[in-house]
Amino acid sequence: MNKFIDFTDRVCLVTGAGNENGIGFQTARILGELGGRVILISTTERIYKRAEELKKTGIEAEGMTADLMDRTRVKRIIEEIIKKYSRIDVLINNAGMVQVGQEEEFAPFSEMTDESWDDSVDRNLNITFNVTRQVLPHMIKNKYGRIVNTSSVTGPLVSNPGEAAYSAAKAAVVGMSRAIAIENAKHNIMINNVLPGWIATDSQTDAEAAGGKNTPVGRGGSAEEVANMNVFLASEKASYITGQTFVVDGGNTIQEYKGPSSLYY
């Protein structure tokens, strides 16, 4: 059967793929179902379980653990992947937010500590920088690459109290991507950003779930719905799309009124 999107023989690296219900793992699953060789990275050993789950369905998958804020470790793990697979065709930069076992910190900007700011920027901007910087030269050498960054509507388009650092980092990812896009389009390397809104993952709070109910669609999105966008942008079909932002938020950011629809429309 002729597939519209086919990743056969493509080597696909997905970071932040440890949660079975998360965007990263769902993206890896779809890439694998479409023929890709999938390498999954997370900070904890649960990534090996995720890789085994994919293997049981016939997907060629490998799990690796790494602290992607450690630039020396990032360099080594990319070298390991290149040594084994010779190239990386697709990079999905999904890692960020908070590490397993840690609480996300919310504080007014005037009360934010230096440590909190630095940690958020490290997780939500520098991880993407660290991995992309190591992968990009290999894509340039091979004259092919697709990079998809999980940014957020928070930062590039909207924000929330207590999220100055997160917003700054996610907006910076978009700005960084535009420069990379201009520099590398001549090498057949496309880089784009996906901006999720209220997504019903395992980490979603009650407040975030309520936000999803007040979108025009009337619910939070699923990790798979975000993954579908990631996969298209990671494909050969996205050959004339670069430096762009794609919002997956059920129409939330296009509406002025965001309260209960029963009170307005």
Protein backbone atom coordinates (compact mmCIF):
# COMPACT_ATOMS: atom_id res chain seq x y z
CA MET A 1 0.00 0.00 0.00
CA ASN A 2 1.28 3.46 -0.90
CA LYS A 3 1.60 5.49 2.28
CA PHE A 4 1.15 9.25 2.19
CA ILE A 5 3.81 9.50 4.89
CA ASP A 6 6.57 6.89 5.05
CA PHE A 7 9.53 6.83 7.44
CA THR A 8 11.03 3.57 6.22
CA ASP A 9 14.79 3.55 6.93
CA ARG A 10 14.60 6.97 8.60
CA VAL A 11 16.39 7.25 11.94
CA CYS A 12 14.17 9.20 14.32
CA LEU A 13 15.30 10.57 17.68
CA VAL A 14 12.59 11.56 20.17
CA THR A 15 13.46 13.19 23.49
CA GLY A 16 11.16 13.28 26.51
CA ALA A 17 9.42 10.05 25.56
CA GLY A 18 9.22 8.29 28.93
CA ASN A 19 5.53 8.83 29.67
CA GLU A 20 3.35 6.26 27.88
CA ASN A 21 0.54 8.82 27.60
CA GLY A 22 2.77 11.76 26.70
CA ILE A 23 3.35 13.61 23.45
CA GLY A 24 6.87 12.27 23.01
CA PHE A 25 5.99 8.60 23.26
CA GLN A 26 2.90 8.96 21.08
CA THR A 27 5.03 10.69 18.45
CA ALA A 28 7.60 7.89 18.62
CA ARG A 29 4.87 5.27 18.27
CA ILE A 30 3.44 6.82 15.12
CA LEU A 31 6.88 7.34 13.59
CA GLY A 32 7.60 3.68 14.23
CA GLU A 33 4.27 2.50 12.83
CA LEU A 34 5.14 4.39 9.65
CA GLY A 35 8.43 2.53 9.31
CA GLY A 36 10.87 4.70 11.24
CA ARG A 37 13.72 3.42 13.39
CA VAL A 38 12.96 5.10 16.68
CA ILE A 39 15.40 6.10 19.43
CA LEU A 40 13.74 7.30 22.63
CA ILE A 41 15.47 9.32 25.34
CA SER A 42 14.36 10.26 28.84
CA THR A 43 15.98 10.86 32.21
CA THR A 44 14.67 7.68 33.85
CA GLU A 45 14.89 3.97 33.14
CA ARG A 46 11.19 3.75 32.31
CA ILE A 47 12.31 4.62 28.76
CA TYR A 48 13.47 1.01 28.34
CA LYS A 49 9.94 -0.18 29.07
CA ARG A 50 8.59 2.24 26.46
CA ALA A 51 11.05 0.88 23.90
CA GLU A 52 10.06 -2.70 24.70
CA GLU A 53 6.39 -1.80 24.24
CA LEU A 54 7.16 -0.53 20.75
CA LYS A 55 9.29 -3.56 19.90
CA LYS A 56 6.39 -5.87 20.77
CA THR A 57 4.37 -4.23 17.99
CA GLY A 58 7.12 -4.76 15.43
CA ILE A 59 8.71 -1.33 15.65
CA GLU A 60 12.49 -1.03 15.63
CA ALA A 61 13.08 0.93 18.82
CA GLU A 62 15.84 1.66 21.31
CA GLY A 63 15.68 3.43 24.66
CA MET A 64 18.45 5.58 26.14
CA THR A 65 18.73 7.51 29.40
CA ALA A 66 20.38 10.91 29.64
CA ASP A 67 20.24 14.19 31.49
CA LEU A 68 19.94 16.43 28.44
CA MET A 69 20.92 19.49 30.47
CA ASP A 70 24.40 17.92 30.69
CA ARG A 71 26.11 19.03 27.49
CA THR A 72 28.91 16.50 27.79
CA ARG A 73 26.38 13.68 28.09
CA VAL A 74 24.40 15.01 25.13
CA LYS A 75 27.52 15.06 22.97
CA ARG A 76 28.35 11.48 23.93
CA ILE A 77 24.88 10.08 23.36
CA ILE A 78 24.60 11.67 19.91
CA GLU A 79 28.02 10.23 19.05
CA GLU A 80 26.76 6.80 20.17
CA ILE A 81 23.69 7.08 17.95
CA ILE A 82 25.72 8.20 14.92
CA LYS A 83 28.22 5.40 15.44
CA LYS A 84 25.42 2.82 15.45
CA TYR A 85 23.01 4.24 12.86
CA SER A 86 25.31 6.52 10.79
CA ARG A 87 22.81 9.37 10.78
CA ILE A 88 19.82 11.05 12.42
CA ASP A 89 17.12 12.04 9.94
CA VAL A 90 14.43 13.26 12.34
CA LEU A 91 14.76 15.02 15.68
CA ILE A 92 11.72 15.57 17.88
CA ASN A 93 12.70 17.93 20.71
CA ASN A 94 9.97 17.11 23.21
CA ALA A 95 11.92 17.07 26.49
CA GLY A 96 11.25 19.93 28.88
CA MET A 97 8.74 20.96 31.56
CA VAL A 98 9.82 19.25 34.79
CA GLN A 99 11.70 16.09 35.61
CA VAL A 100 9.87 13.09 37.04
CA GLY A 101 9.53 13.48 40.80
CA GLN A 102 9.84 17.26 40.76
CA GLU A 103 7.12 19.84 41.26
CA GLU A 104 6.72 22.68 38.78
CA GLU A 105 7.36 25.97 40.54
CA PHE A 106 5.03 28.92 40.10
CA ALA A 107 6.03 32.29 41.55
CA PRO A 108 5.44 35.93 40.66
CA PHE A 109 8.35 37.37 38.66
CA SER A 110 9.24 39.73 41.52
CA GLU A 111 9.61 36.77 43.88
CA MET A 112 11.34 34.33 41.54
CA THR A 113 14.70 32.97 42.64
CA ASP A 114 17.74 32.88 40.38
CA GLU A 115 17.77 29.10 40.71
CA SER A 116 14.16 28.77 39.58
CA TRP A 117 14.73 30.98 36.55
CA ASP A 118 17.91 29.15 35.52
CA ASP A 119 16.34 25.72 35.96
CA SER A 120 13.30 26.58 33.83
CA VAL A 121 15.44 28.07 31.08
CA ASP A 122 17.75 25.05 31.20
CA ARG A 123 14.86 22.63 30.84
CA ASN A 124 12.70 24.46 28.34
CA LEU A 125 15.29 26.17 26.12
CA ASN A 126 18.77 24.80 26.71
CA ILE A 127 17.80 21.14 26.33
CA THR A 128 16.49 21.91 22.85
CA PHE A 129 19.65 23.91 22.11
CA ASN A 130 21.94 21.19 23.47
CA VAL A 131 20.44 18.37 21.42
CA THR A 132 19.90 20.36 18.22
CA ARG A 133 23.44 21.70 18.24
CA GLN A 134 24.87 18.17 18.36
CA VAL A 135 22.49 16.68 15.79
CA LEU A 136 22.51 19.49 13.23
CA PRO A 137 26.07 19.00 11.86
CA HIS A 138 25.21 15.40 10.97
CA MET A 139 22.06 16.51 9.17
CA ILE A 140 24.08 19.11 7.27
CA LYS A 141 26.57 16.43 6.24
CA ASN A 142 23.74 14.19 4.99
CA LYS A 143 21.87 17.04 3.30
CA TYR A 144 18.63 16.04 5.00
CA GLY A 145 16.86 16.70 8.26
CA ARG A 146 13.56 17.39 9.96
CA ILE A 147 13.54 19.01 13.40
CA VAL A 148 10.31 19.53 15.32
CA ASN A 149 10.32 21.39 18.63
CA THR A 150 7.58 21.12 21.21
CA SER A 151 7.17 24.73 22.27
CA SER A 152 3.85 25.93 23.76
CA VAL A 153 1.18 28.54 23.26
CA THR A 154 2.46 29.79 26.65
CA GLY A 155 5.20 32.24 25.78
CA PRO A 156 4.96 32.70 22.01
CA LEU A 157 1.25 33.64 22.10
CA VAL A 158 -0.11 33.90 25.66
CA SER A 159 1.06 33.52 29.24
CA ASN A 160 -0.03 32.89 32.83
CA PRO A 161 0.85 34.28 36.25
CA GLY A 162 3.93 32.62 37.69
CA GLU A 163 5.21 31.42 34.33
CA ALA A 164 7.62 34.16 33.27
CA ALA A 165 10.62 31.83 32.96
CA TYR A 166 8.69 29.10 31.16
CA SER A 167 7.14 31.66 28.81
CA ALA A 168 10.50 33.25 28.06
CA ALA A 169 12.09 29.89 27.32
CA LYS A 170 9.32 28.61 25.05
CA ALA A 171 9.22 31.89 23.11
CA ALA A 172 13.00 31.71 22.74
CA VAL A 173 12.74 28.23 21.22
CA VAL A 174 10.63 29.73 18.42
CA GLY A 175 13.09 32.57 17.84
CA MET A 176 16.05 30.19 17.80
CA SER A 177 14.27 27.93 15.32
CA ARG A 178 13.75 30.77 12.86
CA ALA A 179 17.48 31.49 12.71
CA ILE A 180 18.27 27.78 12.29
CA ALA A 181 15.65 27.55 9.54
CA ILE A 182 17.20 30.38 7.53
CA GLU A 183 20.70 29.01 7.91
CA ASN A 184 19.90 25.42 6.97
CA ALA A 185 17.09 25.35 4.42
CA LYS A 186 19.76 25.12 1.70
CA HIS A 187 20.80 21.79 3.25
CA ASN A 188 17.24 20.37 2.95
CA ILE A 189 16.81 20.72 6.72
CA MET A 190 13.45 21.98 7.92
CA ILE A 191 12.78 23.05 11.51
CA ASN A 192 9.37 23.91 12.90
CA ASN A 193 7.60 24.38 16.21
CA VAL A 194 4.41 22.83 17.53
CA LEU A 195 2.57 24.86 20.17
CA PRO A 196 0.19 22.72 22.23
CA GLY A 197 -2.57 24.29 24.30
CA TRP A 198 -4.55 22.42 26.97
CA ILE A 199 -3.52 18.81 26.45
CA ALA A 200 -4.94 16.01 28.60
CA THR A 201 -1.72 14.23 29.58
CA ASP A 202 -1.07 12.51 32.91
CA SER A 203 0.39 15.73 34.33
CA GLN A 204 -2.67 17.85 33.55
CA THR A 205 -4.10 19.69 36.57
CA ASP A 206 -7.78 20.26 37.34
CA ALA A 207 -7.39 23.90 36.31
CA GLU A 208 -5.88 22.89 32.97
CA ALA A 209 -8.69 20.38 32.39
CA ALA A 210 -11.21 23.17 33.01
CA GLY A 211 -9.35 25.31 30.50
CA GLY A 212 -9.73 22.57 27.93
CA LYS A 213 -13.47 22.43 28.48
CA ASN A 214 -13.72 26.14 27.66
CA THR A 215 -12.04 25.86 24.26
CA PRO A 216 -14.24 26.05 21.14
CA VAL A 217 -13.80 22.29 20.74
CA GLY A 218 -15.02 21.85 24.31
CA ARG A 219 -12.29 19.54 25.60
CA GLY A 220 -8.59 19.23 26.16
CA GLY A 221 -6.54 17.77 23.34
CA SER A 222 -4.89 14.37 23.37
CA ALA A 223 -1.19 13.65 23.17
CA GLU A 224 -1.85 11.78 19.93
CA GLU A 225 -3.43 14.86 18.36
CA VAL A 226 -0.25 16.82 19.00
CA ALA A 227 1.85 13.87 17.85
CA ASN A 228 0.02 13.81 14.52
CA MET A 229 1.21 17.34 13.81
CA ASN A 230 4.75 16.43 14.91
CA VAL A 231 4.80 13.47 12.55
CA PHE A 232 3.65 15.42 9.50
CA LEU A 233 6.27 18.11 10.07
CA ALA A 234 8.90 15.39 10.54
CA SER A 235 8.04 13.82 7.19
CA GLU A 236 9.42 14.28 3.70
CA LYS A 237 6.09 15.88 2.76
CA ALA A 238 6.97 18.95 4.85
CA SER A 239 9.65 19.88 2.34
CA TYR A 240 8.66 23.55 1.90
CA ILE A 241 7.71 24.37 5.48
CA THR A 242 10.34 25.78 7.81
CA GLY A 243 10.70 28.26 10.64
CA GLN A 244 6.97 28.12 11.34
CA THR A 245 4.76 27.70 14.39
CA PHE A 246 1.75 25.38 14.40
CA VAL A 247 -0.83 25.79 17.15
CA VAL A 248 -2.67 22.69 18.42
CA ASP A 249 -5.10 24.12 20.98
CA GLY A 250 -8.68 23.44 19.92
CA GLY A 251 -9.07 27.08 18.87
CA ASN A 252 -8.43 28.44 22.37
CA THR A 253 -6.10 31.27 21.38
CA ILE A 254 -8.39 32.59 18.62
CA GLN A 255 -11.29 33.28 20.99
CA GLU A 256 -11.49 36.48 23.00
CA TYR A 257 -13.92 35.12 25.59
CA LYS A 258 -12.54 32.12 27.45
CA GLY A 259 -15.18 31.56 30.15
CA PRO A 260 -18.01 29.02 30.12
CA SER A 261 -19.76 29.10 26.75
CA SER A 262 -23.14 28.97 28.50
CA LEU A 263 -22.59 32.53 29.68
CA TYR A 264 -21.80 33.99 26.27
CA TYR A 265 -22.41 31.83 23.20
